[in-house]
Amino acid sequence: MEPFWNRPLSDRQLLTFMLAALFFHIIPFLMADVSYIDDHWISQYAHGSWLEQGRPLIKPIYQGLTFTAGAPNLFPLPLLIAITSMAFAMTRLVRHYFSTPSLLHALVPLPLFYNPFFLQNLSYQYDGPAMILSMATILYALTFTNSSALIKVLVPGLMIAIALSLYQPSLNVFLGLFCIELVRCLEQKKSCPATLKCLVTGWLQPGVGLVIYLVSVSVFINSGRDQFLPLNSHWGPEMIERLFFFSEKISLLFTTGSLSFGIPLLILALLGYGQILSASWKTAVGHSDKTWVATLGLLLPFALLLVIPGFSLLLKDFNPQARVLMGFSTLGVALFYLVHSVKTNRHYPFGLILIAPLVFMTSLSYAYGRVLVLQKELSTQVLYSLTYDLETQPRLKQISRFHFNGSPFENWLPAAEGTFRWMPVIKYILNANYLVMPQMLPRAGVTQIGLFTTKAPDLDKGFGAPLVDRRFYSIHVRDEEAYIVMKKIAEPEHYPWKQ
């Protein structure tokens, strides 16, 4: 009797599995219910600066869902809608890869959503659903088919433009998945002209998408995200530095536990890739075709690695955050796909090894959700302490205007010290470089807070001793204005228990 994991799945069964897998992965975010960075000020004003950031389609989505001209916070409704759309797109991708997909085949596209670095994207209650919809749109663009070569370029190009209008780094996902398409061309032993046609189509699609996007959106962008790193003597060293930075952050995933399944997974994937190249080489006719197979086979692994950071490497305004590493998900899909391509004389269920990395990525999601809760608890405690001082200090009741100066906090979270030690990548993903932001104070009823619009004043000149001096902040008064200054914590996170 055939094992249940090898039995073909119907469209309904495949979609149900995808919905369940995606929903199971977002449960920690539903339970944590944490407003993450930009969410604080967007929810306060029910408005985001998405047009200026080059993501103009986010606002109409919230306007359509709320039947208003603004963007009231609807979490988790947008997230649930987004993962439903993503489930349909991933179901389509599985059908694109496998004619009669089984349960093990259905695991192949899951790294797109289970990508550990994508946890930071999912942390945003407002932008997170848009990022998911962007990636779902990319999957529809990749799997679109039509007999007309022109339509096969224009329609996916339009879809890519829509995806970029939701979140620009999703282009890296398309490029990574297109590398897998070229691997499939080699696997199907397509001729050199047929593979070249696929290559040209695959480059024209994002090219058309970029043109549509830039023509329609670039005039509104004023955040500096559309400027590229200048080509001068500093370009090479800067590029190397950025590559080393992301390499260091990605290496945080590799612990003793993850290597226990990561190394066998990589060996199987390399075996499958070697078999594909070998079979394609043997069927290639002529020296030129063999050269083409060898060249493509050597370049594709490097291309897959480069699309992990993708275009973020080229931007002048470098973004070092985990959320830009959406391309890492396509490396996972490639490894999973190659494991399934391994052929042996006897039938071995190599696909079962995919369960281990998926369990690992799921564990990261749930651990990260608990860390979000710990960070929220610490922020809430400091917020309440600050609010108490503002309400109980007699001198502060006479102040007409408060100014707020935050200090980089560098993920200081003692309660999560154990999690950070055993799962170091979570600290990078968290990116909690604040305890309290001025946008959080209205939640406690404080409304007269302003920002330092210029360089923070020198508190040693004309301010005297702080009126309030706490562990995490101090409050200084001069004339009729007060300055709230968040302190930079330099203490270690590790506090050993005394026996």
Protein backbone atom coordinates (compact mmCIF):
# COMPACT_ATOMS: atom_id res chain seq x y z
CA MET A 1 0.00 0.00 0.00
CA GLU A 2 1.33 3.40 -0.98
CA PRO A 3 2.25 5.69 1.97
CA PHE A 4 -0.17 8.56 2.54
CA TRP A 5 2.53 11.14 1.86
CA ASN A 6 2.90 9.86 -1.72
CA ARG A 7 -0.79 9.83 -2.60
CA PRO A 8 -1.89 12.46 -5.14
CA LEU A 9 -3.78 15.43 -3.71
CA SER A 10 -6.83 17.03 -5.27
CA ASP A 11 -6.95 20.81 -5.73
CA ARG A 12 -9.17 21.15 -2.67
CA GLN A 13 -6.88 19.00 -0.52
CA LEU A 14 -3.83 20.95 -1.68
CA LEU A 15 -5.46 24.31 -0.93
CA THR A 16 -6.66 23.10 2.47
CA PHE A 17 -3.15 21.97 3.34
CA MET A 18 -1.69 25.34 2.31
CA LEU A 19 -4.26 27.28 4.31
CA ALA A 20 -3.60 25.15 7.38
CA ALA A 21 0.19 25.41 7.03
CA LEU A 22 0.15 29.20 6.65
CA PHE A 23 -2.37 29.77 9.43
CA PHE A 24 -0.39 27.54 11.79
CA HIS A 25 2.69 29.67 11.11
CA ILE A 26 1.02 33.00 11.99
CA ILE A 27 -0.61 31.87 15.24
CA PRO A 28 2.27 33.38 17.33
CA PHE A 29 1.60 36.81 15.79
CA LEU A 30 -2.13 36.56 16.47
CA MET A 31 -1.41 35.64 20.10
CA ALA A 32 1.27 38.31 20.61
CA ASP A 33 -0.78 41.16 19.06
CA VAL A 34 2.21 43.49 19.04
CA SER A 35 2.34 46.85 17.29
CA TYR A 36 5.73 46.85 15.60
CA ILE A 37 7.69 50.08 14.95
CA ASP A 38 5.71 51.90 12.18
CA ASP A 39 2.43 50.42 13.42
CA HIS A 40 2.41 52.83 16.37
CA TRP A 41 2.16 56.03 14.39
CA ILE A 42 0.17 54.58 11.47
CA SER A 43 -2.55 53.28 13.81
CA GLN A 44 -2.60 56.57 15.72
CA TYR A 45 -3.25 58.67 12.61
CA ALA A 46 -4.91 55.91 10.54
CA HIS A 47 -2.61 57.00 7.75
CA GLY A 48 0.73 55.82 6.36
CA SER A 49 3.33 57.43 4.10
CA TRP A 50 3.17 54.55 1.66
CA LEU A 51 3.03 56.66 -1.50
CA GLU A 52 6.25 58.47 -0.58
CA GLN A 53 7.88 55.09 0.09
CA GLY A 54 6.98 53.76 -3.36
CA ARG A 55 4.16 51.48 -2.18
CA PRO A 56 1.03 53.28 -3.37
CA LEU A 57 -1.31 50.26 -3.49
CA ILE A 58 -1.29 49.70 0.28
CA LYS A 59 -3.50 52.70 1.00
CA PRO A 60 -6.29 51.73 -1.44
CA ILE A 61 -6.36 48.25 0.11
CA TYR A 62 -7.08 49.67 3.57
CA GLN A 63 -9.50 52.21 2.15
CA GLY A 64 -11.37 49.41 0.44
CA LEU A 65 -11.48 47.25 3.55
CA THR A 66 -12.59 50.09 5.87
CA PHE A 67 -14.80 52.06 3.44
CA THR A 68 -13.00 55.22 4.57
CA ALA A 69 -10.37 57.58 3.22
CA GLY A 70 -7.93 56.47 5.92
CA ALA A 71 -6.35 53.29 7.23
CA PRO A 72 -7.83 52.30 10.62
CA ASN A 73 -6.14 49.30 12.20
CA LEU A 74 -8.00 46.12 11.24
CA PHE A 75 -5.49 43.56 12.48
CA PRO A 76 -5.71 40.60 12.03
CA LEU A 77 -8.26 40.81 9.18
CA PRO A 78 -5.75 41.97 6.51
CA LEU A 79 -3.33 39.24 7.59
CA LEU A 80 -5.98 36.54 7.26
CA ILE A 81 -6.98 37.81 3.82
CA ALA A 82 -3.33 37.93 2.74
CA ILE A 83 -2.52 34.37 3.79
CA THR A 84 -5.63 33.14 1.98
CA SER A 85 -4.36 34.78 -1.19
CA MET A 86 -0.91 33.34 -0.55
CA ALA A 87 -2.36 29.85 -0.09
CA PHE A 88 -4.03 30.02 -3.51
CA ALA A 89 -0.78 31.26 -5.08
CA MET A 90 1.32 28.53 -3.46
CA THR A 91 -1.19 25.90 -4.55
CA ARG A 92 -0.76 27.18 -8.08
CA LEU A 93 3.04 27.00 -7.74
CA VAL A 94 2.90 23.36 -6.58
CA ARG A 95 0.78 22.48 -9.62
CA HIS A 96 3.32 24.35 -11.76
CA TYR A 97 6.19 22.24 -10.39
CA PHE A 98 4.47 18.84 -10.18
CA SER A 99 1.76 17.42 -12.42
CA THR A 100 0.36 15.10 -9.72
CA PRO A 101 1.49 16.62 -6.42
CA SER A 102 1.51 14.64 -3.21
CA LEU A 103 1.76 15.77 0.39
CA LEU A 104 5.56 15.79 0.21
CA HIS A 105 5.44 17.86 -2.98
CA ALA A 106 3.24 20.37 -1.15
CA LEU A 107 6.13 21.05 1.26
CA VAL A 108 8.35 22.46 -1.51
CA PRO A 109 6.99 26.06 -1.66
CA LEU A 110 6.56 26.46 2.12
CA PRO A 111 9.99 28.14 2.62
CA LEU A 112 8.53 31.14 0.78
CA PHE A 113 6.39 31.81 3.85
CA TYR A 114 8.40 29.96 6.50
CA ASN A 115 11.58 31.90 5.67
CA PRO A 116 13.00 32.82 9.14
CA PHE A 117 13.84 36.36 8.02
CA PHE A 118 10.28 36.84 6.80
CA LEU A 119 9.23 36.79 10.46
CA GLN A 120 10.21 40.44 10.65
CA ASN A 121 7.90 41.20 7.71
CA LEU A 122 5.06 39.38 9.46
CA SER A 123 5.65 41.48 12.59
CA TYR A 124 4.14 44.57 10.93
CA GLN A 125 0.39 44.69 11.42
CA TYR A 126 -0.03 47.19 8.59
CA ASP A 127 2.77 46.45 6.12
CA GLY A 128 3.02 42.71 6.78
CA PRO A 129 -0.18 41.74 4.89
CA ALA A 130 0.87 43.94 1.96
CA MET A 131 4.23 42.15 1.83
CA ILE A 132 2.43 38.79 1.70
CA LEU A 133 0.13 40.01 -1.07
CA SER A 134 3.18 41.26 -2.96
CA MET A 135 4.78 37.83 -2.83
CA ALA A 136 1.51 36.13 -3.82
CA THR A 137 1.32 38.40 -6.86
CA ILE A 138 4.87 37.41 -7.77
CA LEU A 139 3.83 33.73 -7.72
CA TYR A 140 0.92 34.45 -10.05
CA ALA A 141 3.29 36.30 -12.40
CA LEU A 142 5.72 33.38 -12.42
CA THR A 143 3.07 30.73 -13.11
CA PHE A 144 1.15 32.69 -15.73
CA THR A 145 0.99 30.89 -19.08
CA ASN A 146 -0.29 31.94 -22.48
CA SER A 147 0.33 30.87 -26.05
CA SER A 148 1.08 34.44 -27.09
CA ALA A 149 4.67 35.48 -26.37
CA LEU A 150 3.64 39.15 -26.05
CA ILE A 151 0.89 38.47 -23.51
CA LYS A 152 3.23 36.14 -21.62
CA VAL A 153 5.53 39.14 -21.11
CA LEU A 154 3.04 41.98 -20.60
CA VAL A 155 0.63 40.34 -18.13
CA PRO A 156 3.35 39.05 -15.74
CA GLY A 157 5.10 42.41 -16.17
CA LEU A 158 1.95 44.17 -14.97
CA MET A 159 1.66 41.73 -12.06
CA ILE A 160 5.27 42.42 -11.09
CA ALA A 161 4.57 46.17 -11.18
CA ILE A 162 1.63 45.58 -8.82
CA ALA A 163 3.85 43.51 -6.53
CA LEU A 164 6.49 46.25 -6.45
CA SER A 165 3.79 48.79 -5.59
CA LEU A 166 3.11 46.72 -2.48
CA TYR A 167 6.70 45.90 -1.48
CA GLN A 168 9.76 46.39 -3.66
CA PRO A 169 12.05 43.58 -2.34
CA SER A 170 9.54 41.01 -3.61
CA LEU A 171 11.33 41.38 -6.96
CA ASN A 172 14.12 39.29 -5.43
CA VAL A 173 11.60 36.47 -4.96
CA PHE A 174 10.74 36.52 -8.66
CA LEU A 175 14.41 36.45 -9.66
CA GLY A 176 15.13 33.56 -7.29
CA LEU A 177 12.15 31.54 -8.51
CA PHE A 178 13.17 32.24 -12.08
CA CYS A 179 16.54 30.64 -11.33
CA ILE A 180 14.57 27.53 -10.35
CA GLU A 181 12.73 27.77 -13.68
CA LEU A 182 16.10 27.58 -15.44
CA VAL A 183 16.98 24.53 -13.35
CA ARG A 184 13.72 22.98 -14.53
CA CYS A 185 14.69 23.75 -18.12
CA LEU A 186 17.86 21.73 -17.57
CA GLU A 187 15.87 18.98 -15.85
CA GLN A 188 13.47 18.76 -18.80
CA LYS A 189 16.50 18.62 -21.16
CA LYS A 190 15.30 21.57 -23.20
CA SER A 191 17.45 22.61 -26.12
CA CYS A 192 19.71 25.64 -25.97
CA PRO A 193 17.32 27.82 -28.08
CA ALA A 194 14.34 26.83 -25.90
CA THR A 195 16.26 27.63 -22.71
CA LEU A 196 17.42 30.94 -24.17
CA LYS A 197 13.82 31.79 -25.02
CA CYS A 198 12.85 31.05 -21.40
CA LEU A 199 15.76 33.21 -20.21
CA VAL A 200 14.79 36.16 -22.41
CA THR A 201 11.14 35.93 -21.35
CA GLY A 202 12.18 35.72 -17.71
CA TRP A 203 14.22 38.92 -18.01
CA LEU A 204 11.64 40.81 -20.08
CA GLN A 205 8.89 40.19 -17.51
CA PRO A 206 10.58 41.99 -14.58
CA GLY A 207 11.98 44.53 -17.04
CA VAL A 208 8.47 45.48 -18.17
CA GLY A 209 7.31 45.44 -14.55
CA LEU A 210 10.09 47.80 -13.48
CA VAL A 211 9.33 50.20 -16.33
CA ILE A 212 5.62 50.31 -15.46
CA TYR A 213 6.42 50.74 -11.77
CA LEU A 214 9.04 53.47 -12.22
CA VAL A 215 6.95 55.45 -14.70
CA SER A 216 3.89 55.41 -12.44
CA VAL A 217 5.45 55.65 -8.98
CA SER A 218 8.97 57.11 -9.02
CA VAL A 219 7.75 60.70 -9.21
CA PHE A 220 6.09 60.31 -5.79
CA ILE A 221 9.03 58.68 -3.98
CA ASN A 222 10.84 61.06 -1.63
CA SER A 223 12.33 58.63 0.88
CA GLY A 224 15.65 58.18 -0.94
CA ARG A 225 14.90 54.51 -1.63
CA ASP A 226 15.15 54.96 -5.38
CA GLN A 227 18.79 56.10 -5.43
CA PHE A 228 21.57 53.67 -6.26
CA LEU A 229 25.01 53.49 -4.75
CA PRO A 230 27.29 55.70 -6.88
CA LEU A 231 29.80 53.90 -9.07
CA ASN A 232 33.06 55.26 -7.68
CA SER A 233 36.15 53.96 -5.92
CA HIS A 234 34.09 53.13 -2.80
CA TRP A 235 31.55 50.98 -4.67
CA GLY A 236 33.55 47.73 -4.56
CA PRO A 237 34.58 47.86 -0.87
CA GLU A 238 31.07 48.92 0.12
CA MET A 239 29.55 46.02 -1.81
CA ILE A 240 31.92 43.55 -0.18
CA GLU A 241 31.14 44.98 3.24
CA ARG A 242 27.41 44.60 2.65
CA LEU A 243 27.80 41.02 1.44
CA PHE A 244 29.85 40.14 4.51
CA PHE A 245 27.24 41.79 6.74
CA PHE A 246 24.38 39.71 5.34
CA SER A 247 26.54 36.58 5.33
CA GLU A 248 27.21 37.08 9.02
CA LYS A 249 23.51 37.55 9.79
CA ILE A 250 22.46 34.52 7.74
CA SER A 251 25.10 32.41 9.49
CA LEU A 252 23.19 32.98 12.75
CA LEU A 253 20.78 30.31 11.50
CA PHE A 254 23.49 27.67 11.56
CA THR A 255 23.57 26.15 15.01
CA THR A 256 24.50 22.60 15.98
CA GLY A 257 20.85 21.60 15.82
CA SER A 258 20.08 23.16 12.44
CA LEU A 259 23.26 21.74 10.89
CA SER A 260 22.16 18.24 11.90
CA PHE A 261 19.51 18.34 9.16
CA GLY A 262 20.97 21.17 7.08
CA ILE A 263 24.05 19.24 5.97
CA PRO A 264 22.12 16.12 4.80
CA LEU A 265 19.60 18.41 3.09
CA LEU A 266 22.38 20.23 1.25
CA ILE A 267 24.07 16.95 0.24
CA LEU A 268 20.82 15.59 -1.22
CA ALA A 269 20.14 18.86 -3.04
CA LEU A 270 23.64 18.86 -4.53
CA LEU A 271 23.15 15.24 -5.56
CA GLY A 272 19.90 16.11 -7.29
CA TYR A 273 21.47 19.13 -9.00
CA GLY A 274 24.41 17.02 -10.13
CA GLN A 275 22.06 14.42 -11.60
CA ILE A 276 20.15 17.14 -13.50
CA LEU A 277 23.35 18.64 -14.93
CA SER A 278 24.73 15.22 -15.83
CA ALA A 279 21.55 14.15 -17.65
CA SER A 280 21.31 17.47 -19.45
CA TRP A 281 24.99 17.28 -20.47
CA LYS A 282 24.56 13.80 -21.90
CA THR A 283 21.59 14.79 -24.06
CA ALA A 284 23.18 18.08 -25.23
CA VAL A 285 24.07 18.01 -28.92
CA GLY A 286 27.29 19.67 -30.01
CA HIS A 287 29.99 21.61 -28.23
CA SER A 288 27.95 24.82 -27.96
CA ASP A 289 25.03 23.09 -26.20
CA LYS A 290 27.38 21.39 -23.73
CA THR A 291 29.11 24.71 -23.05
CA TRP A 292 25.71 26.29 -22.45
CA VAL A 293 24.72 23.56 -19.97
CA ALA A 294 28.03 23.89 -18.11
CA THR A 295 27.88 27.69 -17.97
CA LEU A 296 24.27 27.78 -16.80
CA GLY A 297 24.92 25.03 -14.28
CA LEU A 298 27.82 26.94 -12.74
CA LEU A 299 26.13 30.36 -12.66
CA LEU A 300 22.73 29.40 -11.23
CA PRO A 301 23.93 28.60 -7.67
CA PHE A 302 25.72 31.96 -7.47
CA ALA A 303 22.64 33.74 -8.83
CA LEU A 304 20.47 32.10 -6.15
CA LEU A 305 22.86 33.33 -3.47
CA LEU A 306 22.97 36.87 -4.86
CA VAL A 307 19.19 37.27 -4.92
CA ILE A 308 19.06 36.69 -1.15
CA PRO A 309 19.91 40.37 -0.50
CA GLY A 310 19.14 41.23 -4.13
CA PHE A 311 18.71 44.86 -5.08
CA SER A 312 19.18 46.05 -1.48
CA LEU A 313 22.91 45.69 -2.15
CA LEU A 314 22.75 48.35 -4.85
CA LEU A 315 20.76 51.03 -3.04
CA LYS A 316 22.48 54.10 -1.67
CA ASP A 317 20.29 54.02 1.43
CA PHE A 318 21.40 50.62 2.70
CA ASN A 319 18.77 48.70 4.65
CA PRO A 320 20.40 46.08 6.91
CA GLN A 321 17.14 44.72 8.32
CA ALA A 322 16.00 41.12 8.04
CA ARG A 323 12.84 42.04 6.14
CA VAL A 324 14.77 42.72 2.91
CA LEU A 325 16.06 39.12 2.80
CA MET A 326 12.96 37.78 1.07
CA GLY A 327 15.23 36.18 -1.51
CA PHE A 328 16.42 33.71 1.11
CA SER A 329 13.09 31.94 0.76
CA THR A 330 13.82 31.03 -2.86
CA LEU A 331 17.04 29.30 -1.81
CA GLY A 332 14.94 27.11 0.48
CA VAL A 333 12.49 26.33 -2.33
CA ALA A 334 15.41 25.43 -4.63
CA LEU A 335 16.89 23.05 -2.06
CA PHE A 336 13.51 21.42 -1.43
CA TYR A 337 12.86 21.04 -5.15
CA LEU A 338 16.28 19.51 -5.80
CA VAL A 339 15.80 16.98 -3.00
CA HIS A 340 12.65 15.81 -4.79
CA SER A 341 14.59 15.50 -8.04
CA VAL A 342 17.03 12.90 -6.65
CA LYS A 343 16.72 9.60 -8.50
CA THR A 344 17.98 6.23 -7.24
CA ASN A 345 17.53 2.59 -8.27
CA ARG A 346 15.28 2.02 -5.29
CA HIS A 347 12.53 4.39 -4.22
CA TYR A 348 13.53 6.20 -1.04
CA PRO A 349 11.29 8.85 0.55
CA PHE A 350 13.98 11.55 0.51
CA GLY A 351 11.21 14.15 0.70
CA LEU A 352 10.65 13.24 4.36
CA ILE A 353 13.84 15.12 5.23
CA LEU A 354 12.02 18.34 4.38
CA ILE A 355 9.96 17.97 7.54
CA ALA A 356 12.95 18.73 9.78
CA PRO A 357 13.74 22.24 8.41
CA LEU A 358 10.04 23.09 8.36
CA VAL A 359 9.71 22.10 12.02
CA PHE A 360 12.81 24.19 12.75
CA MET A 361 11.37 27.24 10.98
CA THR A 362 8.04 26.76 12.75
CA SER A 363 9.82 26.61 16.10
CA LEU A 364 11.59 29.87 15.26
CA SER A 365 8.22 31.47 14.56
CA TYR A 366 6.76 30.42 17.91
CA ALA A 367 9.91 31.38 19.84
CA TYR A 368 9.94 34.74 18.09
CA GLY A 369 6.29 35.27 19.03
CA ARG A 370 7.17 34.76 22.70
CA VAL A 371 10.06 37.21 22.39
CA LEU A 372 7.68 39.79 20.90
CA VAL A 373 5.49 39.40 23.98
CA LEU A 374 8.50 39.89 26.28
CA GLN A 375 9.53 43.00 24.39
CA LYS A 376 5.98 44.36 24.61
CA GLU A 377 5.89 43.74 28.37
CA LEU A 378 9.15 45.63 28.92
CA SER A 379 8.03 48.53 26.70
CA THR A 380 4.68 48.70 28.50
CA GLN A 381 6.37 48.78 31.90
CA VAL A 382 8.65 51.66 30.88
CA LEU A 383 5.75 53.50 29.23
CA TYR A 384 3.65 53.29 32.40
CA SER A 385 6.58 54.40 34.53
CA LEU A 386 7.17 57.41 32.30
CA THR A 387 3.47 58.29 32.27
CA TYR A 388 3.37 58.09 36.07
CA ASP A 389 6.26 60.56 36.38
CA LEU A 390 4.65 62.94 33.90
CA GLU A 391 1.40 62.91 35.87
CA THR A 392 2.75 63.05 39.43
CA GLN A 393 5.66 65.52 39.23
CA PRO A 394 4.27 68.97 40.20
CA ARG A 395 6.88 70.82 38.14
CA LEU A 396 5.91 68.89 34.99
CA LYS A 397 2.26 69.91 35.31
CA GLN A 398 3.30 73.46 34.38
CA ILE A 399 5.07 72.37 31.20
CA SER A 400 3.39 73.33 27.96
CA ARG A 401 5.56 71.29 25.63
CA PHE A 402 7.55 68.06 25.95
CA HIS A 403 10.28 66.93 23.59
CA PHE A 404 11.28 63.31 23.16
CA ASN A 405 14.71 62.00 22.27
CA GLY A 406 15.10 58.27 21.75
CA SER A 407 18.38 56.40 21.94
CA PRO A 408 19.29 53.23 19.99
CA PHE A 409 18.42 50.34 22.26
CA GLU A 410 20.12 47.46 20.44
CA ASN A 411 17.64 44.71 21.34
CA TRP A 412 18.35 44.80 25.07
CA LEU A 413 15.90 42.22 26.46
CA PRO A 414 17.12 40.29 29.51
CA ALA A 415 13.98 38.13 29.72
CA ALA A 416 14.84 36.64 26.30
CA GLU A 417 18.52 36.03 27.07
CA GLY A 418 18.13 32.26 26.91
CA THR A 419 16.25 32.36 23.60
CA PHE A 420 18.85 34.70 22.11
CA ARG A 421 21.63 32.37 23.22
CA TRP A 422 20.14 29.23 21.67
CA MET A 423 18.45 30.91 18.69
CA PRO A 424 20.74 33.88 17.95
CA VAL A 425 19.03 34.73 14.66
CA ILE A 426 15.93 35.86 16.59
CA LYS A 427 17.82 38.83 18.04
CA TYR A 428 18.65 40.01 14.53
CA ILE A 429 15.07 39.50 13.35
CA LEU A 430 13.58 41.31 16.36
CA ASN A 431 15.27 44.67 15.66
CA ALA A 432 13.79 46.21 18.81
CA ASN A 433 16.00 49.29 18.87
CA TYR A 434 13.57 51.19 21.07
CA LEU A 435 11.71 50.83 24.35
CA VAL A 436 9.33 53.75 24.09
CA MET A 437 8.64 55.91 21.08
CA PRO A 438 6.76 59.22 21.20
CA GLN A 439 4.01 57.65 19.09
CA MET A 440 3.33 55.23 21.94
CA LEU A 441 2.62 57.93 24.53
CA PRO A 442 -0.91 58.80 23.34
CA ARG A 443 -1.86 55.23 24.26
CA ALA A 444 -1.25 56.27 27.86
CA GLY A 445 -3.10 59.56 27.44
CA VAL A 446 -0.03 61.77 26.96
CA THR A 447 -0.55 64.07 23.96
CA GLN A 448 1.82 67.02 24.35
CA ILE A 449 4.94 65.19 23.22
CA GLY A 450 7.02 66.55 20.34
CA LEU A 451 10.12 65.30 18.59
CA PHE A 452 13.56 66.86 18.49
CA THR A 453 13.39 68.29 15.00
CA THR A 454 17.10 69.09 15.03
CA LYS A 455 20.10 67.76 16.89
CA ALA A 456 19.23 67.01 20.50
CA PRO A 457 20.30 69.85 22.82
CA ASP A 458 23.40 69.50 24.96
CA LEU A 459 21.87 68.59 28.29
CA ASP A 460 25.04 69.67 30.15
CA LYS A 461 24.53 73.31 29.17
CA GLY A 462 21.78 75.24 30.88
CA PHE A 463 19.75 72.27 31.99
CA GLY A 464 21.27 71.34 35.31
CA ALA A 465 20.43 68.08 37.04
CA PRO A 466 17.51 66.10 35.63
CA LEU A 467 14.20 66.56 37.37
CA VAL A 468 13.55 62.83 37.00
CA ASP A 469 16.32 60.29 36.61
CA ARG A 470 15.22 56.72 36.06
CA ARG A 471 17.02 53.64 34.82
CA PHE A 472 15.64 53.89 31.30
CA TYR A 473 15.08 57.62 30.88
CA SER A 474 15.59 61.06 32.37
CA ILE A 475 13.45 64.19 32.22
CA HIS A 476 15.08 67.63 32.01
CA VAL A 477 13.31 70.98 32.33
CA ARG A 478 14.26 74.37 30.94
CA ASP A 479 11.86 77.31 31.00
CA GLU A 480 8.46 76.00 30.00
CA GLU A 481 9.70 72.99 28.07
CA ALA A 482 10.70 69.52 29.20
CA TYR A 483 12.96 66.99 27.48
CA ILE A 484 12.46 63.26 27.81
CA VAL A 485 15.70 61.46 27.02
CA MET A 486 15.78 57.69 26.68
CA LYS A 487 19.02 56.20 27.96
CA LYS A 488 21.24 53.76 26.15
CA ILE A 489 21.47 50.60 28.23
CA ALA A 490 24.96 49.12 28.36
CA GLU A 491 24.31 46.45 30.97
CA PRO A 492 24.62 42.76 30.07
CA GLU A 493 21.47 40.79 29.43
CA HIS A 494 22.70 37.77 31.33
CA TYR A 495 21.91 37.77 35.05
CA PRO A 496 22.98 34.47 36.67
CA TRP A 497 20.93 33.25 39.59
CA LYS A 498 22.77 33.20 42.89
CA GLN A 499 22.69 29.85 44.63
